[in-house]
Amino acid sequence: MEIMITIIIFFFFFISGIIGGIRLYNRLVLLRNNVDNAFANIDVILKQQAEQIPALIAIVSKAMSHERGIFTTLSAAHQNYLNSGSLPEKIHASNQMEQALKTVIAISENYPMLISGENFIELQKTVSNVEDKLARRRESFNDAVTTYNIGIQVFPALIVARALKYQPLPLLEISAEEKKYNGIRFE
């Protein structure tokens, strides 16, 4: 009789452990899928932003021909984003692209003829629209990444996450300049 009770108790703990492990695994998969979904929403906008770069280079390079280094950086950021494959690579490339765009826009303010050009004004409106969309979705993505990173770093999920080779993911950065800057305004 005591052996039967011991077997039942052991079986209960064994089944509870399996159910707990399954729940833990499913939670980690859910967290990872939420991150992927949040980035997929941003990826569409980042591709729009990347597609604006050649137009920006074409318009601005005529007026700012002595600023070649900036265009090289911007073009490289554009290519890095388009060539990136993994989520961390895309996040890193999008952060580089964002910084390069901010630099070009900031420098372009020193060229009144450029700023008043019709093509540049239209492009500025488009860039501003994309930045607004990115700002809204970046918050959602960073929340999903933070929840995921916490989820894979707490015990006992840490054990399962390591077994699945889940790695912490970077956030989409917001620069100190961007925090104090209230958007692009050319009027």
C-alpha atoms as a PDB file:
ATOM      1  CA  MET A   1       0.000   0.000   0.000  1.00  0.00           C
ATOM      2  CA  GLU A   2       2.807   2.427   0.843  1.00  0.00           C
ATOM      3  CA  ILE A   3       4.559   1.577  -2.409  1.00  0.00           C
ATOM      4  CA  MET A   4       1.367   2.346  -4.329  1.00  0.00           C
ATOM      5  CA  ILE A   5       1.029   5.753  -2.607  1.00  0.00           C
ATOM      6  CA  THR A   6       4.695   6.517  -3.368  1.00  0.00           C
ATOM      7  CA  ILE A   7       4.192   5.579  -7.027  1.00  0.00           C
ATOM      8  CA  ILE A   8       1.078   7.767  -7.254  1.00  0.00           C
ATOM      9  CA  ILE A   9       2.913  10.719  -5.660  1.00  0.00           C
ATOM     10  CA  PHE A  10       5.911  10.211  -7.967  1.00  0.00           C
ATOM     11  CA  PHE A  11       3.587   9.946 -10.990  1.00  0.00           C
ATOM     12  CA  PHE A  12       1.764  13.146  -9.926  1.00  0.00           C
ATOM     13  CA  PHE A  13       5.052  15.092  -9.675  1.00  0.00           C
ATOM     14  CA  PHE A  14       6.279  13.621 -12.952  1.00  0.00           C
ATOM     15  CA  ILE A  15       3.093  14.642 -14.802  1.00  0.00           C
ATOM     16  CA  SER A  16       3.154  18.084 -13.131  1.00  0.00           C
ATOM     17  CA  GLY A  17       6.754  18.561 -14.293  1.00  0.00           C
ATOM     18  CA  ILE A  18       5.888  17.607 -17.858  1.00  0.00           C
ATOM     19  CA  ILE A  19       2.872  19.937 -17.915  1.00  0.00           C
ATOM     20  CA  GLY A  20       4.976  22.754 -16.433  1.00  0.00           C
ATOM     21  CA  GLY A  21       7.681  22.184 -19.030  1.00  0.00           C
ATOM     22  CA  ILE A  22       5.158  22.266 -21.854  1.00  0.00           C
ATOM     23  CA  ARG A  23       3.649  25.503 -20.517  1.00  0.00           C
ATOM     24  CA  LEU A  24       7.100  27.025 -20.208  1.00  0.00           C
ATOM     25  CA  TYR A  25       8.059  26.012 -23.734  1.00  0.00           C
ATOM     26  CA  ASN A  26       4.781  27.364 -25.132  1.00  0.00           C
ATOM     27  CA  ARG A  27       5.283  30.678 -23.298  1.00  0.00           C
ATOM     28  CA  LEU A  28       8.768  31.088 -24.769  1.00  0.00           C
ATOM     29  CA  VAL A  29       7.469  30.336 -28.250  1.00  0.00           C
ATOM     30  CA  LEU A  30       4.664  32.875 -27.724  1.00  0.00           C
ATOM     31  CA  LEU A  31       7.138  35.537 -26.597  1.00  0.00           C
ATOM     32  CA  ARG A  32       9.407  34.908 -29.582  1.00  0.00           C
ATOM     33  CA  ASN A  33       6.472  35.024 -32.007  1.00  0.00           C
ATOM     34  CA  ASN A  34       5.299  38.319 -30.474  1.00  0.00           C
ATOM     35  CA  VAL A  35       8.751  39.792 -31.139  1.00  0.00           C
ATOM     36  CA  ASP A  36       8.738  38.488 -34.707  1.00  0.00           C
ATOM     37  CA  ASN A  37       5.255  39.910 -35.284  1.00  0.00           C
ATOM     38  CA  ALA A  38       6.173  43.296 -33.828  1.00  0.00           C
ATOM     39  CA  PHE A  39       9.268  43.472 -36.021  1.00  0.00           C
ATOM     40  CA  ALA A  40       7.335  42.383 -39.111  1.00  0.00           C
ATOM     41  CA  ASN A  41       5.079  45.410 -38.551  1.00  0.00           C
ATOM     42  CA  ILE A  42       8.148  47.651 -38.322  1.00  0.00           C
ATOM     43  CA  ASP A  43       9.975  45.938 -41.180  1.00  0.00           C
ATOM     44  CA  VAL A  44       7.437  47.207 -43.714  1.00  0.00           C
ATOM     45  CA  ILE A  45       8.032  50.781 -42.592  1.00  0.00           C
ATOM     46  CA  LEU A  46      11.804  50.329 -42.416  1.00  0.00           C
ATOM     47  CA  LYS A  47      11.764  49.093 -46.008  1.00  0.00           C
ATOM     48  CA  GLN A  48       9.848  52.234 -46.988  1.00  0.00           C
ATOM     49  CA  GLN A  49      12.487  54.279 -45.198  1.00  0.00           C
ATOM     50  CA  ALA A  50      15.279  52.381 -46.951  1.00  0.00           C
ATOM     51  CA  GLU A  51      13.585  53.001 -50.313  1.00  0.00           C
ATOM     52  CA  GLN A  52      13.569  56.753 -49.618  1.00  0.00           C
ATOM     53  CA  ILE A  53      17.337  56.870 -49.233  1.00  0.00           C
ATOM     54  CA  PRO A  54      18.240  56.757 -52.958  1.00  0.00           C
ATOM     55  CA  ALA A  55      15.796  59.615 -53.626  1.00  0.00           C
ATOM     56  CA  LEU A  56      17.214  61.598 -50.722  1.00  0.00           C
ATOM     57  CA  ILE A  57      20.751  61.039 -51.983  1.00  0.00           C
ATOM     58  CA  ALA A  58      19.809  62.112 -55.516  1.00  0.00           C
ATOM     59  CA  ILE A  59      18.095  65.302 -54.373  1.00  0.00           C
ATOM     60  CA  VAL A  60      20.537  66.340 -51.695  1.00  0.00           C
ATOM     61  CA  SER A  61      23.808  65.340 -53.379  1.00  0.00           C
ATOM     62  CA  LYS A  62      23.481  68.069 -56.009  1.00  0.00           C
ATOM     63  CA  ALA A  63      23.303  70.813 -53.416  1.00  0.00           C
ATOM     64  CA  MET A  64      25.776  69.266 -50.991  1.00  0.00           C
ATOM     65  CA  SER A  65      28.428  67.858 -53.310  1.00  0.00           C
ATOM     66  CA  HIS A  66      31.230  68.472 -50.790  1.00  0.00           C
ATOM     67  CA  GLU A  67      29.490  66.304 -48.163  1.00  0.00           C
ATOM     68  CA  ARG A  68      30.384  63.002 -49.899  1.00  0.00           C
ATOM     69  CA  GLY A  69      31.211  61.142 -46.667  1.00  0.00           C
ATOM     70  CA  ILE A  70      27.637  61.550 -45.475  1.00  0.00           C
ATOM     71  CA  PHE A  71      26.246  60.059 -48.670  1.00  0.00           C
ATOM     72  CA  THR A  72      28.648  57.142 -48.463  1.00  0.00           C
ATOM     73  CA  THR A  73      27.490  56.446 -44.894  1.00  0.00           C
ATOM     74  CA  LEU A  74      23.840  56.778 -45.882  1.00  0.00           C
ATOM     75  CA  SER A  75      24.243  54.523 -48.899  1.00  0.00           C
ATOM     76  CA  ALA A  76      26.105  51.919 -46.810  1.00  0.00           C
ATOM     77  CA  ALA A  77      23.335  52.007 -44.183  1.00  0.00           C
ATOM     78  CA  HIS A  78      20.760  51.481 -46.933  1.00  0.00           C
ATOM     79  CA  GLN A  79      22.645  48.455 -48.318  1.00  0.00           C
ATOM     80  CA  ASN A  80      23.279  46.999 -44.843  1.00  0.00           C
ATOM     81  CA  TYR A  81      19.566  47.049 -44.103  1.00  0.00           C
ATOM     82  CA  LEU A  82      18.585  45.491 -47.415  1.00  0.00           C
ATOM     83  CA  ASN A  83      21.269  42.781 -47.066  1.00  0.00           C
ATOM     84  CA  SER A  84      20.621  41.924 -43.409  1.00  0.00           C
ATOM     85  CA  GLY A  85      19.040  38.554 -42.784  1.00  0.00           C
ATOM     86  CA  SER A  86      18.547  37.860 -39.101  1.00  0.00           C
ATOM     87  CA  LEU A  87      16.455  39.926 -36.723  1.00  0.00           C
ATOM     88  CA  PRO A  88      19.472  41.231 -34.728  1.00  0.00           C
ATOM     89  CA  GLU A  89      21.215  42.217 -37.993  1.00  0.00           C
ATOM     90  CA  LYS A  90      18.112  44.069 -39.189  1.00  0.00           C
ATOM     91  CA  ILE A  91      17.783  45.874 -35.859  1.00  0.00           C
ATOM     92  CA  HIS A  92      21.433  46.947 -35.962  1.00  0.00           C
ATOM     93  CA  ALA A  93      21.146  48.039 -39.606  1.00  0.00           C
ATOM     94  CA  SER A  94      17.942  49.993 -38.958  1.00  0.00           C
ATOM     95  CA  ASN A  95      19.615  51.816 -36.065  1.00  0.00           C
ATOM     96  CA  GLN A  96      22.523  52.738 -38.390  1.00  0.00           C
ATOM     97  CA  MET A  97      20.119  53.853 -41.115  1.00  0.00           C
ATOM     98  CA  GLU A  98      18.191  56.025 -38.659  1.00  0.00           C
ATOM     99  CA  GLN A  99      21.382  57.755 -37.497  1.00  0.00           C
ATOM    100  CA  ALA A 100      22.549  58.355 -41.076  1.00  0.00           C
ATOM    101  CA  LEU A 101      19.182  59.865 -42.038  1.00  0.00           C
ATOM    102  CA  LYS A 102      19.231  62.170 -39.014  1.00  0.00           C
ATOM    103  CA  THR A 103      22.707  63.374 -39.973  1.00  0.00           C
ATOM    104  CA  VAL A 104      21.698  64.156 -43.574  1.00  0.00           C
ATOM    105  CA  ILE A 105      18.544  65.966 -42.496  1.00  0.00           C
ATOM    106  CA  ALA A 106      20.441  67.981 -39.882  1.00  0.00           C
ATOM    107  CA  ILE A 107      23.127  69.010 -42.368  1.00  0.00           C
ATOM    108  CA  SER A 108      20.582  69.819 -45.071  1.00  0.00           C
ATOM    109  CA  GLU A 109      19.207  72.562 -42.823  1.00  0.00           C
ATOM    110  CA  ASN A 110      22.365  74.526 -43.703  1.00  0.00           C
ATOM    111  CA  TYR A 111      21.285  74.661 -47.369  1.00  0.00           C
ATOM    112  CA  PRO A 112      18.294  77.034 -47.758  1.00  0.00           C
ATOM    113  CA  MET A 113      18.020  76.491 -51.514  1.00  0.00           C
ATOM    114  CA  LEU A 114      17.809  72.746 -50.972  1.00  0.00           C
ATOM    115  CA  ILE A 115      15.211  73.023 -48.232  1.00  0.00           C
ATOM    116  CA  SER A 116      12.975  75.224 -50.355  1.00  0.00           C
ATOM    117  CA  GLY A 117      13.080  72.843 -53.344  1.00  0.00           C
ATOM    118  CA  GLU A 118       9.785  71.159 -54.222  1.00  0.00           C
ATOM    119  CA  ASN A 119      11.286  67.657 -54.455  1.00  0.00           C
ATOM    120  CA  PHE A 120      12.970  68.010 -51.100  1.00  0.00           C
ATOM    121  CA  ILE A 121       9.804  69.297 -49.435  1.00  0.00           C
ATOM    122  CA  GLU A 122       7.826  66.312 -50.760  1.00  0.00           C
ATOM    123  CA  LEU A 123      10.547  63.913 -49.664  1.00  0.00           C
ATOM    124  CA  GLN A 124      10.696  65.589 -46.245  1.00  0.00           C
ATOM    125  CA  LYS A 125       6.947  65.066 -45.802  1.00  0.00           C
ATOM    126  CA  THR A 126       7.303  61.404 -46.742  1.00  0.00           C
ATOM    127  CA  VAL A 127      10.278  60.913 -44.410  1.00  0.00           C
ATOM    128  CA  SER A 128       8.393  62.622 -41.590  1.00  0.00           C
ATOM    129  CA  ASN A 129       5.350  60.405 -42.170  1.00  0.00           C
ATOM    130  CA  VAL A 130       7.510  57.266 -42.067  1.00  0.00           C
ATOM    131  CA  GLU A 131       9.243  58.488 -38.892  1.00  0.00           C
ATOM    132  CA  ASP A 132       5.862  58.984 -37.207  1.00  0.00           C
ATOM    133  CA  LYS A 133       4.815  55.440 -38.134  1.00  0.00           C
ATOM    134  CA  LEU A 134       8.137  54.069 -36.895  1.00  0.00           C
ATOM    135  CA  ALA A 135       7.861  55.881 -33.585  1.00  0.00           C
ATOM    136  CA  ARG A 136       4.463  54.330 -32.910  1.00  0.00           C
ATOM    137  CA  ARG A 137       5.535  50.812 -33.830  1.00  0.00           C
ATOM    138  CA  ARG A 138       8.988  51.026 -32.236  1.00  0.00           C
ATOM    139  CA  GLU A 139       7.389  51.270 -28.811  1.00  0.00           C
ATOM    140  CA  SER A 140       5.339  48.121 -29.422  1.00  0.00           C
ATOM    141  CA  PHE A 141       8.406  46.268 -30.718  1.00  0.00           C
ATOM    142  CA  ASN A 142      10.597  47.331 -27.792  1.00  0.00           C
ATOM    143  CA  ASP A 143       7.883  46.225 -25.343  1.00  0.00           C
ATOM    144  CA  ALA A 144       7.728  42.811 -27.034  1.00  0.00           C
ATOM    145  CA  VAL A 145      11.536  42.487 -26.997  1.00  0.00           C
ATOM    146  CA  THR A 146      11.744  43.498 -23.332  1.00  0.00           C
ATOM    147  CA  THR A 147       9.086  40.946 -22.378  1.00  0.00           C
ATOM    148  CA  TYR A 148      10.901  38.287 -24.434  1.00  0.00           C
ATOM    149  CA  ASN A 149      14.301  39.123 -22.927  1.00  0.00           C
ATOM    150  CA  ILE A 150      12.882  38.936 -19.405  1.00  0.00           C
ATOM    151  CA  GLY A 151      11.059  35.710 -20.290  1.00  0.00           C
ATOM    152  CA  ILE A 152      14.262  33.950 -21.364  1.00  0.00           C
ATOM    153  CA  GLN A 153      16.297  35.218 -18.415  1.00  0.00           C
ATOM    154  CA  VAL A 154      14.098  34.189 -15.474  1.00  0.00           C
ATOM    155  CA  PHE A 155      14.300  30.828 -13.784  1.00  0.00           C
ATOM    156  CA  PRO A 156      13.181  28.146 -14.725  1.00  0.00           C
ATOM    157  CA  ALA A 157      12.533  29.448 -18.268  1.00  0.00           C
ATOM    158  CA  LEU A 158      16.244  30.191 -18.471  1.00  0.00           C
ATOM    159  CA  ILE A 159      16.990  26.468 -18.676  1.00  0.00           C
ATOM    160  CA  VAL A 160      14.540  25.843 -21.504  1.00  0.00           C
ATOM    161  CA  ALA A 161      15.591  29.030 -23.334  1.00  0.00           C
ATOM    162  CA  ARG A 162      19.239  27.988 -23.251  1.00  0.00           C
ATOM    163  CA  ALA A 163      18.335  24.529 -24.515  1.00  0.00           C
ATOM    164  CA  LEU A 164      16.446  26.167 -27.408  1.00  0.00           C
ATOM    165  CA  LYS A 165      19.388  28.565 -27.959  1.00  0.00           C
ATOM    166  CA  TYR A 166      17.180  31.626 -27.524  1.00  0.00           C
ATOM    167  CA  GLN A 167      19.358  34.726 -27.250  1.00  0.00           C
ATOM    168  CA  PRO A 168      18.466  38.173 -25.900  1.00  0.00           C
ATOM    169  CA  LEU A 169      17.491  40.566 -28.686  1.00  0.00           C
ATOM    170  CA  PRO A 170      18.509  44.221 -29.014  1.00  0.00           C
ATOM    171  CA  LEU A 171      16.019  47.048 -28.853  1.00  0.00           C
ATOM    172  CA  LEU A 172      15.471  49.559 -31.609  1.00  0.00           C
ATOM    173  CA  GLU A 173      17.483  52.471 -30.291  1.00  0.00           C
ATOM    174  CA  ILE A 174      16.324  55.983 -29.730  1.00  0.00           C
ATOM    175  CA  SER A 175      19.263  58.378 -29.736  1.00  0.00           C
ATOM    176  CA  ALA A 176      19.644  61.168 -27.207  1.00  0.00           C
ATOM    177  CA  GLU A 177      19.241  63.661 -30.068  1.00  0.00           C
ATOM    178  CA  GLU A 178      15.999  62.034 -31.159  1.00  0.00           C
ATOM    179  CA  LYS A 179      14.633  62.202 -27.635  1.00  0.00           C
ATOM    180  CA  LYS A 180      14.985  65.980 -27.585  1.00  0.00           C
ATOM    181  CA  TYR A 181      14.181  66.558 -31.268  1.00  0.00           C
ATOM    182  CA  ASN A 182      10.503  67.143 -32.097  1.00  0.00           C
ATOM    183  CA  GLY A 183      10.531  65.788 -35.636  1.00  0.00           C
ATOM    184  CA  ILE A 184      11.620  67.267 -38.920  1.00  0.00           C
ATOM    185  CA  ARG A 185      10.138  70.622 -39.720  1.00  0.00           C
ATOM    186  CA  PHE A 186      11.029  72.478 -42.923  1.00  0.00           C
ATOM    187  CA  GLU A 187       8.647  75.336 -43.501  1.00  0.00           C
END
